Amino acid sequence: MHCPVSGRRVGKLYLPTGGDIFASRQVWRLGYHSQRDAARDKPFTRLFRLQKKLGCTQGWEQPISKPKGMWERTWQRHLADYWRLDAECAVEVAAMIDRLG
């Protein structure tokens, strides 16, 4: 399919709220959700994604548990990632509290 505005070959055409013509994402300057995330939110997003992957409750400072059938080596890698991301989230929360004064 070709964008009627730019003529580029695209897979999808978009009509955002208030738009009057279907056009490509580049014409409408639409970004992906991940591009709109602030840098301070990225550790939380990765932590929540890991918790979802492990089937645990999502949220900062939530306990995680090893899913049945997961290899111990894989569990240890996920556990190390969890604690690293938890520390990054703690740094971001401390910085936010510091900014608030």
N, C-alpha and C. Protein backbone atom coordinates (compact mmCIF):
# COMPACT_ATOMS: atom_id res chain seq x y z
N MET A 1 0.85 -1.16 0.00
CA MET A 1 0.00 0.00 0.00
C MET A 1 0.91 1.24 0.00
N HIS A 2 0.45 2.28 -0.59
CA HIS A 2 1.22 3.52 -0.66
C HIS A 2 0.48 4.64 0.08
N CYS A 3 1.24 5.46 0.79
CA CYS A 3 0.66 6.59 1.50
C CYS A 3 0.20 7.62 0.46
N PRO A 4 -1.04 8.10 0.55
CA PRO A 4 -1.52 9.08 -0.43
C PRO A 4 -0.86 10.44 -0.29
N VAL A 5 -0.24 10.73 0.85
CA VAL A 5 0.38 12.05 1.05
C VAL A 5 1.84 12.02 0.62
N SER A 6 2.60 11.06 1.14
CA SER A 6 4.04 11.04 0.87
C SER A 6 4.41 10.14 -0.30
N GLY A 7 3.55 9.20 -0.64
CA GLY A 7 3.85 8.28 -1.72
C GLY A 7 4.73 7.10 -1.28
N ARG A 8 5.11 7.05 -0.01
CA ARG A 8 5.96 5.97 0.50
C ARG A 8 5.17 4.67 0.57
N ARG A 9 5.88 3.58 0.42
CA ARG A 9 5.27 2.27 0.59
C ARG A 9 5.19 1.98 2.08
N VAL A 10 3.99 1.68 2.58
CA VAL A 10 3.77 1.46 4.02
C VAL A 10 2.87 0.25 4.22
N GLY A 11 2.89 -0.25 5.46
CA GLY A 11 2.05 -1.39 5.80
C GLY A 11 0.70 -1.00 6.34
N LYS A 12 0.61 0.21 6.93
CA LYS A 12 -0.64 0.67 7.53
C LYS A 12 -0.82 2.15 7.24
N LEU A 13 -2.08 2.55 7.20
CA LEU A 13 -2.41 3.96 7.12
C LEU A 13 -3.20 4.32 8.37
N TYR A 14 -2.98 5.50 8.89
CA TYR A 14 -3.59 5.92 10.15
C TYR A 14 -4.49 7.13 9.94
N LEU A 15 -5.53 7.22 10.75
CA LEU A 15 -6.41 8.38 10.79
C LEU A 15 -6.58 8.77 12.25
N PRO A 16 -5.68 9.62 12.77
CA PRO A 16 -5.79 9.99 14.19
C PRO A 16 -7.01 10.87 14.44
N THR A 17 -7.35 11.02 15.71
CA THR A 17 -8.48 11.85 16.10
C THR A 17 -8.29 13.26 15.54
N GLY A 18 -9.28 13.76 14.88
CA GLY A 18 -9.21 15.10 14.29
C GLY A 18 -8.58 15.11 12.90
N GLY A 19 -8.12 13.95 12.43
CA GLY A 19 -7.51 13.89 11.10
C GLY A 19 -8.57 13.87 10.01
N ASP A 20 -8.17 14.23 8.81
CA ASP A 20 -9.13 14.27 7.71
C ASP A 20 -8.75 13.34 6.57
N ILE A 21 -7.57 12.72 6.61
CA ILE A 21 -7.13 11.84 5.55
C ILE A 21 -6.28 10.72 6.14
N PHE A 22 -6.43 9.53 5.59
CA PHE A 22 -5.57 8.42 6.00
C PHE A 22 -4.18 8.67 5.45
N ALA A 23 -3.17 8.52 6.31
CA ALA A 23 -1.79 8.73 5.88
C ALA A 23 -0.87 7.85 6.73
N SER A 24 0.39 7.82 6.36
CA SER A 24 1.36 6.98 7.08
C SER A 24 1.69 7.57 8.45
N ARG A 25 2.32 6.73 9.27
CA ARG A 25 2.72 7.14 10.61
C ARG A 25 3.72 8.28 10.56
N GLN A 26 4.60 8.28 9.56
CA GLN A 26 5.60 9.34 9.43
C GLN A 26 4.96 10.69 9.08
N VAL A 27 3.94 10.66 8.25
CA VAL A 27 3.25 11.91 7.88
C VAL A 27 2.55 12.51 9.09
N TRP A 28 1.90 11.66 9.88
CA TRP A 28 1.19 12.15 11.06
C TRP A 28 2.12 12.36 12.25
N ARG A 29 3.39 11.99 12.11
CA ARG A 29 4.38 12.09 13.19
C ARG A 29 3.94 11.32 14.44
N LEU A 30 3.46 10.12 14.20
CA LEU A 30 3.04 9.25 15.29
C LEU A 30 4.22 8.39 15.70
N GLY A 31 4.44 8.26 16.98
CA GLY A 31 5.53 7.43 17.49
C GLY A 31 4.99 6.17 18.12
N TYR A 32 5.88 5.24 18.36
CA TYR A 32 5.51 4.03 19.08
C TYR A 32 5.41 4.36 20.57
N HIS A 33 4.68 3.52 21.31
CA HIS A 33 4.50 3.75 22.74
C HIS A 33 5.86 3.77 23.45
N SER A 34 6.76 2.87 23.05
CA SER A 34 8.07 2.80 23.70
C SER A 34 8.89 4.07 23.46
N GLN A 35 8.62 4.79 22.39
CA GLN A 35 9.35 6.03 22.12
C GLN A 35 8.84 7.17 22.98
N ARG A 36 7.62 7.05 23.50
CA ARG A 36 7.06 8.10 24.33
C ARG A 36 7.38 7.93 25.81
N ASP A 37 7.92 6.75 26.19
CA ASP A 37 8.26 6.51 27.59
C ASP A 37 9.43 7.39 28.01
N ALA A 38 9.31 7.98 29.19
CA ALA A 38 10.41 8.77 29.74
C ALA A 38 11.51 7.82 30.20
N ALA A 39 12.74 8.30 30.21
CA ALA A 39 13.88 7.48 30.63
C ALA A 39 13.71 6.99 32.06
N ARG A 40 13.08 7.79 32.90
CA ARG A 40 12.91 7.39 34.30
C ARG A 40 11.90 6.26 34.46
N ASP A 41 11.06 6.01 33.45
CA ASP A 41 10.05 4.96 33.53
C ASP A 41 10.54 3.62 32.98
N LYS A 42 11.65 3.62 32.25
CA LYS A 42 12.11 2.39 31.59
C LYS A 42 12.46 1.26 32.55
N PRO A 43 13.14 1.52 33.69
CA PRO A 43 13.40 0.39 34.60
C PRO A 43 12.11 -0.24 35.13
N PHE A 44 11.09 0.58 35.39
CA PHE A 44 9.82 0.07 35.88
C PHE A 44 9.13 -0.78 34.81
N THR A 45 9.17 -0.33 33.57
CA THR A 45 8.57 -1.08 32.47
C THR A 45 9.24 -2.43 32.32
N ARG A 46 10.57 -2.46 32.36
CA ARG A 46 11.29 -3.73 32.24
C ARG A 46 11.01 -4.65 33.42
N LEU A 47 10.94 -4.07 34.64
CA LEU A 47 10.64 -4.86 35.83
C LEU A 47 9.25 -5.48 35.74
N PHE A 48 8.26 -4.69 35.32
CA PHE A 48 6.89 -5.19 35.21
C PHE A 48 6.80 -6.26 34.12
N ARG A 49 7.55 -6.09 33.04
CA ARG A 49 7.55 -7.08 31.96
C ARG A 49 8.13 -8.41 32.47
N LEU A 50 9.21 -8.34 33.25
CA LEU A 50 9.80 -9.55 33.82
C LEU A 50 8.83 -10.23 34.78
N GLN A 51 8.16 -9.44 35.62
CA GLN A 51 7.19 -10.02 36.55
C GLN A 51 6.04 -10.69 35.81
N LYS A 52 5.59 -10.08 34.72
CA LYS A 52 4.52 -10.67 33.93
C LYS A 52 4.99 -11.98 33.30
N LYS A 53 6.22 -12.00 32.83
CA LYS A 53 6.79 -13.20 32.22
C LYS A 53 6.85 -14.35 33.22
N LEU A 54 7.14 -14.01 34.50
CA LEU A 54 7.23 -15.03 35.54
C LEU A 54 5.87 -15.37 36.15
N GLY A 55 4.82 -14.66 35.75
CA GLY A 55 3.48 -14.95 36.24
C GLY A 55 3.25 -14.42 37.66
N CYS A 56 3.96 -13.37 38.05
CA CYS A 56 3.83 -12.80 39.40
C CYS A 56 3.02 -11.51 39.36
N THR A 57 2.69 -11.01 40.54
CA THR A 57 2.00 -9.73 40.65
C THR A 57 2.94 -8.62 40.18
N GLN A 58 2.42 -7.73 39.33
CA GLN A 58 3.23 -6.65 38.82
C GLN A 58 3.23 -5.48 39.79
N GLY A 59 4.40 -4.90 39.99
CA GLY A 59 4.54 -3.74 40.85
C GLY A 59 5.92 -3.71 41.47
N TRP A 60 6.34 -2.52 41.83
CA TRP A 60 7.65 -2.38 42.45
C TRP A 60 7.60 -2.96 43.86
N GLU A 61 8.66 -3.63 44.27
CA GLU A 61 8.78 -4.25 45.58
C GLU A 61 7.81 -5.41 45.77
N GLN A 62 7.39 -6.06 44.68
CA GLN A 62 6.53 -7.23 44.77
C GLN A 62 7.40 -8.49 44.75
N PRO A 63 7.07 -9.50 45.55
CA PRO A 63 7.87 -10.73 45.55
C PRO A 63 7.67 -11.51 44.26
N ILE A 64 8.69 -12.27 43.89
CA ILE A 64 8.58 -13.13 42.71
C ILE A 64 8.84 -14.56 43.16
N SER A 65 8.37 -15.49 42.37
CA SER A 65 8.59 -16.90 42.67
C SER A 65 8.91 -17.64 41.37
N LYS A 66 9.62 -18.73 41.54
CA LYS A 66 10.05 -19.53 40.39
C LYS A 66 8.85 -20.30 39.83
N PRO A 67 8.56 -20.12 38.54
CA PRO A 67 7.47 -20.88 37.93
C PRO A 67 7.81 -22.37 37.86
N LYS A 68 6.80 -23.19 37.98
CA LYS A 68 7.00 -24.63 37.90
C LYS A 68 7.54 -25.00 36.52
N GLY A 69 8.56 -25.82 36.50
CA GLY A 69 9.13 -26.30 35.25
C GLY A 69 10.25 -25.44 34.69
N MET A 70 10.55 -24.31 35.31
CA MET A 70 11.62 -23.45 34.81
C MET A 70 12.97 -24.00 35.24
N TRP A 71 13.92 -24.00 34.34
CA TRP A 71 15.25 -24.46 34.65
C TRP A 71 15.87 -23.55 35.71
N GLU A 72 16.67 -24.13 36.58
CA GLU A 72 17.30 -23.37 37.66
C GLU A 72 18.22 -22.29 37.10
N ARG A 73 18.94 -22.62 36.05
CA ARG A 73 19.86 -21.66 35.42
C ARG A 73 19.08 -20.44 34.90
N THR A 74 17.94 -20.68 34.28
CA THR A 74 17.10 -19.59 33.77
C THR A 74 16.54 -18.78 34.93
N TRP A 75 16.11 -19.45 35.98
CA TRP A 75 15.57 -18.77 37.16
C TRP A 75 16.63 -17.86 37.79
N GLN A 76 17.86 -18.34 37.90
CA GLN A 76 18.94 -17.54 38.49
C GLN A 76 19.22 -16.29 37.64
N ARG A 77 19.14 -16.43 36.32
CA ARG A 77 19.34 -15.28 35.44
C ARG A 77 18.22 -14.26 35.62
N HIS A 78 16.96 -14.73 35.67
CA HIS A 78 15.82 -13.84 35.89
C HIS A 78 15.90 -13.17 37.27
N LEU A 79 16.34 -13.92 38.26
CA LEU A 79 16.46 -13.38 39.61
C LEU A 79 17.51 -12.26 39.65
N ALA A 80 18.64 -12.48 38.97
CA ALA A 80 19.68 -11.44 38.91
C ALA A 80 19.14 -10.20 38.20
N ASP A 81 18.39 -10.40 37.10
CA ASP A 81 17.78 -9.27 36.38
C ASP A 81 16.79 -8.54 37.28
N TYR A 82 16.01 -9.31 38.05
CA TYR A 82 15.02 -8.70 38.95
C TYR A 82 15.69 -7.78 39.96
N TRP A 83 16.75 -8.26 40.60
CA TRP A 83 17.41 -7.44 41.63
C TRP A 83 18.12 -6.23 41.03
N ARG A 84 18.66 -6.38 39.82
CA ARG A 84 19.29 -5.24 39.14
C ARG A 84 18.23 -4.19 38.82
N LEU A 85 17.10 -4.62 38.27
CA LEU A 85 16.03 -3.68 37.93
C LEU A 85 15.42 -3.06 39.18
N ASP A 86 15.31 -3.84 40.26
CA ASP A 86 14.80 -3.31 41.52
C ASP A 86 15.69 -2.19 42.03
N ALA A 87 17.00 -2.39 41.92
CA ALA A 87 17.94 -1.34 42.35
C ALA A 87 17.82 -0.10 41.47
N GLU A 88 17.65 -0.29 40.15
CA GLU A 88 17.48 0.86 39.25
C GLU A 88 16.20 1.61 39.58
N CYS A 89 15.14 0.89 39.91
CA CYS A 89 13.87 1.53 40.28
C CYS A 89 14.03 2.32 41.57
N ALA A 90 14.77 1.78 42.52
CA ALA A 90 15.01 2.48 43.78
C ALA A 90 15.76 3.79 43.54
N VAL A 91 16.72 3.77 42.64
CA VAL A 91 17.46 4.99 42.30
C VAL A 91 16.51 6.03 41.69
N GLU A 92 15.63 5.59 40.79
CA GLU A 92 14.69 6.51 40.15
C GLU A 92 13.70 7.09 41.15
N VAL A 93 13.22 6.27 42.08
CA VAL A 93 12.29 6.76 43.10
C VAL A 93 12.99 7.76 44.01
N ALA A 94 14.24 7.45 44.41
CA ALA A 94 14.99 8.39 45.26
C ALA A 94 15.22 9.71 44.54
N ALA A 95 15.52 9.66 43.24
CA ALA A 95 15.73 10.89 42.47
C ALA A 95 14.43 11.68 42.37
N MET A 96 13.29 10.99 42.23
CA MET A 96 12.01 11.67 42.13
C MET A 96 11.67 12.34 43.46
N ILE A 97 11.92 11.64 44.56
CA ILE A 97 11.67 12.23 45.88
C ILE A 97 12.57 13.42 46.11
N ASP A 98 13.81 13.31 45.66
CA ASP A 98 14.76 14.42 45.80
C ASP A 98 14.29 15.65 45.00
N ARG A 99 13.76 15.40 43.79
CA ARG A 99 13.27 16.51 42.96
C ARG A 99 12.05 17.18 43.61
N LEU A 100 11.21 16.38 44.26
CA LEU A 100 10.03 16.94 44.90
C LEU A 100 10.38 17.75 46.16
N GLY A 101 11.54 17.45 46.70
CA GLY A 101 12.04 18.22 47.85
C GLY A 101 11.51 17.71 49.12
